[in-house]
Amino acid sequence: MINILRYTEYLYIIVAGFSIYRIFTDWNTDRNSAYFFIFFAIVSIGMFLFRRSYRKKFEQRKQDNNKDT
């Protein structure tokens, strides 16, 4: 379960990287598309940080439960 959560974190970083690439390539040609990818980049980075903190809390809770038993 934890490994799957790690992979999804990095998928969000990949989406953010692709979005940033598209922002730079589309900025002068299609400004509306660039704004759309700015939104995706911000959401992807936010989801990465959220998923990472959630996974760390989950791991900490699992360690605490193993120490108690």
C-alpha atoms as a PDB file:
ATOM      1  CA  MET A   1       0.000   0.000   0.000  1.00  0.00           C
ATOM      2  CA  ILE A   2       2.765   2.422   0.937  1.00  0.00           C
ATOM      3  CA  ASN A   3       4.657   1.771  -2.310  1.00  0.00           C
ATOM      4  CA  ILE A   4       1.590   2.666  -4.363  1.00  0.00           C
ATOM      5  CA  LEU A   5       1.281   5.946  -2.472  1.00  0.00           C
ATOM      6  CA  ARG A   6       4.919   6.741  -3.254  1.00  0.00           C
ATOM      7  CA  TYR A   7       4.407   6.174  -6.964  1.00  0.00           C
ATOM      8  CA  THR A   8       1.315   8.367  -7.101  1.00  0.00           C
ATOM      9  CA  GLU A   9       3.283  11.178  -5.473  1.00  0.00           C
ATOM     10  CA  TYR A  10       5.821  11.110  -8.259  1.00  0.00           C
ATOM     11  CA  LEU A  11       3.123  10.909 -10.918  1.00  0.00           C
ATOM     12  CA  TYR A  12       1.896  14.279  -9.694  1.00  0.00           C
ATOM     13  CA  ILE A  13       5.422  15.684 -10.020  1.00  0.00           C
ATOM     14  CA  ILE A  14       5.615  14.340 -13.580  1.00  0.00           C
ATOM     15  CA  VAL A  15       2.308  16.001 -14.457  1.00  0.00           C
ATOM     16  CA  ALA A  16       3.558  19.261 -12.936  1.00  0.00           C
ATOM     17  CA  GLY A  17       6.789  19.045 -14.933  1.00  0.00           C
ATOM     18  CA  PHE A  18       4.895  18.426 -18.162  1.00  0.00           C
ATOM     19  CA  SER A  19       2.571  21.317 -17.373  1.00  0.00           C
ATOM     20  CA  ILE A  20       5.496  23.664 -16.749  1.00  0.00           C
ATOM     21  CA  TYR A  21       7.037  22.564 -20.042  1.00  0.00           C
ATOM     22  CA  ARG A  22       3.778  23.315 -21.848  1.00  0.00           C
ATOM     23  CA  ILE A  23       3.545  26.716 -20.145  1.00  0.00           C
ATOM     24  CA  PHE A  24       6.921  27.731 -21.579  1.00  0.00           C
ATOM     25  CA  THR A  25       6.195  26.361 -25.044  1.00  0.00           C
ATOM     26  CA  ASP A  26       2.662  27.805 -25.338  1.00  0.00           C
ATOM     27  CA  TRP A  27       3.171  31.180 -23.644  1.00  0.00           C
ATOM     28  CA  ASN A  28       3.777  33.206 -26.819  1.00  0.00           C
ATOM     29  CA  THR A  29       1.465  31.261 -29.125  1.00  0.00           C
ATOM     30  CA  ASP A  30      -1.606  30.328 -27.058  1.00  0.00           C
ATOM     31  CA  ARG A  31      -1.898  32.257 -23.814  1.00  0.00           C
ATOM     32  CA  ASN A  32      -5.226  30.631 -22.770  1.00  0.00           C
ATOM     33  CA  SER A  33      -3.695  27.172 -23.005  1.00  0.00           C
ATOM     34  CA  ALA A  34      -0.753  28.365 -20.925  1.00  0.00           C
ATOM     35  CA  TYR A  35      -3.115  29.580 -18.179  1.00  0.00           C
ATOM     36  CA  PHE A  36      -4.816  26.201 -18.221  1.00  0.00           C
ATOM     37  CA  PHE A  37      -1.467  24.461 -17.687  1.00  0.00           C
ATOM     38  CA  ILE A  38      -0.543  26.922 -14.921  1.00  0.00           C
ATOM     39  CA  PHE A  39      -3.647  25.715 -13.099  1.00  0.00           C
ATOM     40  CA  PHE A  40      -2.633  22.064 -13.637  1.00  0.00           C
ATOM     41  CA  ALA A  41       0.897  22.721 -12.413  1.00  0.00           C
ATOM     42  CA  ILE A  42      -0.312  24.380  -9.213  1.00  0.00           C
ATOM     43  CA  VAL A  43      -2.869  21.648  -8.491  1.00  0.00           C
ATOM     44  CA  SER A  44      -0.315  18.898  -9.202  1.00  0.00           C
ATOM     45  CA  ILE A  45       2.258  20.389  -6.849  1.00  0.00           C
ATOM     46  CA  GLY A  46      -0.406  20.831  -4.177  1.00  0.00           C
ATOM     47  CA  MET A  47      -1.540  17.235  -4.575  1.00  0.00           C
ATOM     48  CA  PHE A  48       2.078  16.053  -4.364  1.00  0.00           C
ATOM     49  CA  LEU A  49       2.540  17.872  -1.054  1.00  0.00           C
ATOM     50  CA  PHE A  50      -0.819  16.627   0.263  1.00  0.00           C
ATOM     51  CA  ARG A  51      -0.152  13.010  -0.712  1.00  0.00           C
ATOM     52  CA  ARG A  52       3.339  13.141   0.734  1.00  0.00           C
ATOM     53  CA  SER A  53       2.147  14.425   4.111  1.00  0.00           C
ATOM     54  CA  TYR A  54      -0.683  11.870   4.122  1.00  0.00           C
ATOM     55  CA  ARG A  55       1.757   9.014   3.411  1.00  0.00           C
ATOM     56  CA  LYS A  56       4.148  10.167   6.146  1.00  0.00           C
ATOM     57  CA  LYS A  57       1.309  10.333   8.669  1.00  0.00           C
ATOM     58  CA  PHE A  58       0.191   6.868   7.608  1.00  0.00           C
ATOM     59  CA  GLU A  59       3.732   5.483   8.015  1.00  0.00           C
ATOM     60  CA  GLN A  60       4.097   7.132  11.423  1.00  0.00           C
ATOM     61  CA  ARG A  61       0.783   5.708  12.595  1.00  0.00           C
ATOM     62  CA  LYS A  62       1.844   2.250  11.388  1.00  0.00           C
ATOM     63  CA  GLN A  63       5.159   2.512  13.267  1.00  0.00           C
ATOM     64  CA  ASP A  64       3.398   3.673  16.429  1.00  0.00           C
ATOM     65  CA  ASN A  65       0.965   0.746  16.237  1.00  0.00           C
ATOM     66  CA  ASN A  66       3.836  -1.717  15.774  1.00  0.00           C
ATOM     67  CA  LYS A  67       5.647  -0.335  18.847  1.00  0.00           C
ATOM     68  CA  ASP A  68       2.546  -0.742  20.991  1.00  0.00           C
ATOM     69  CA  THR A  69       2.058  -4.410  20.159  1.00  0.00           C
END
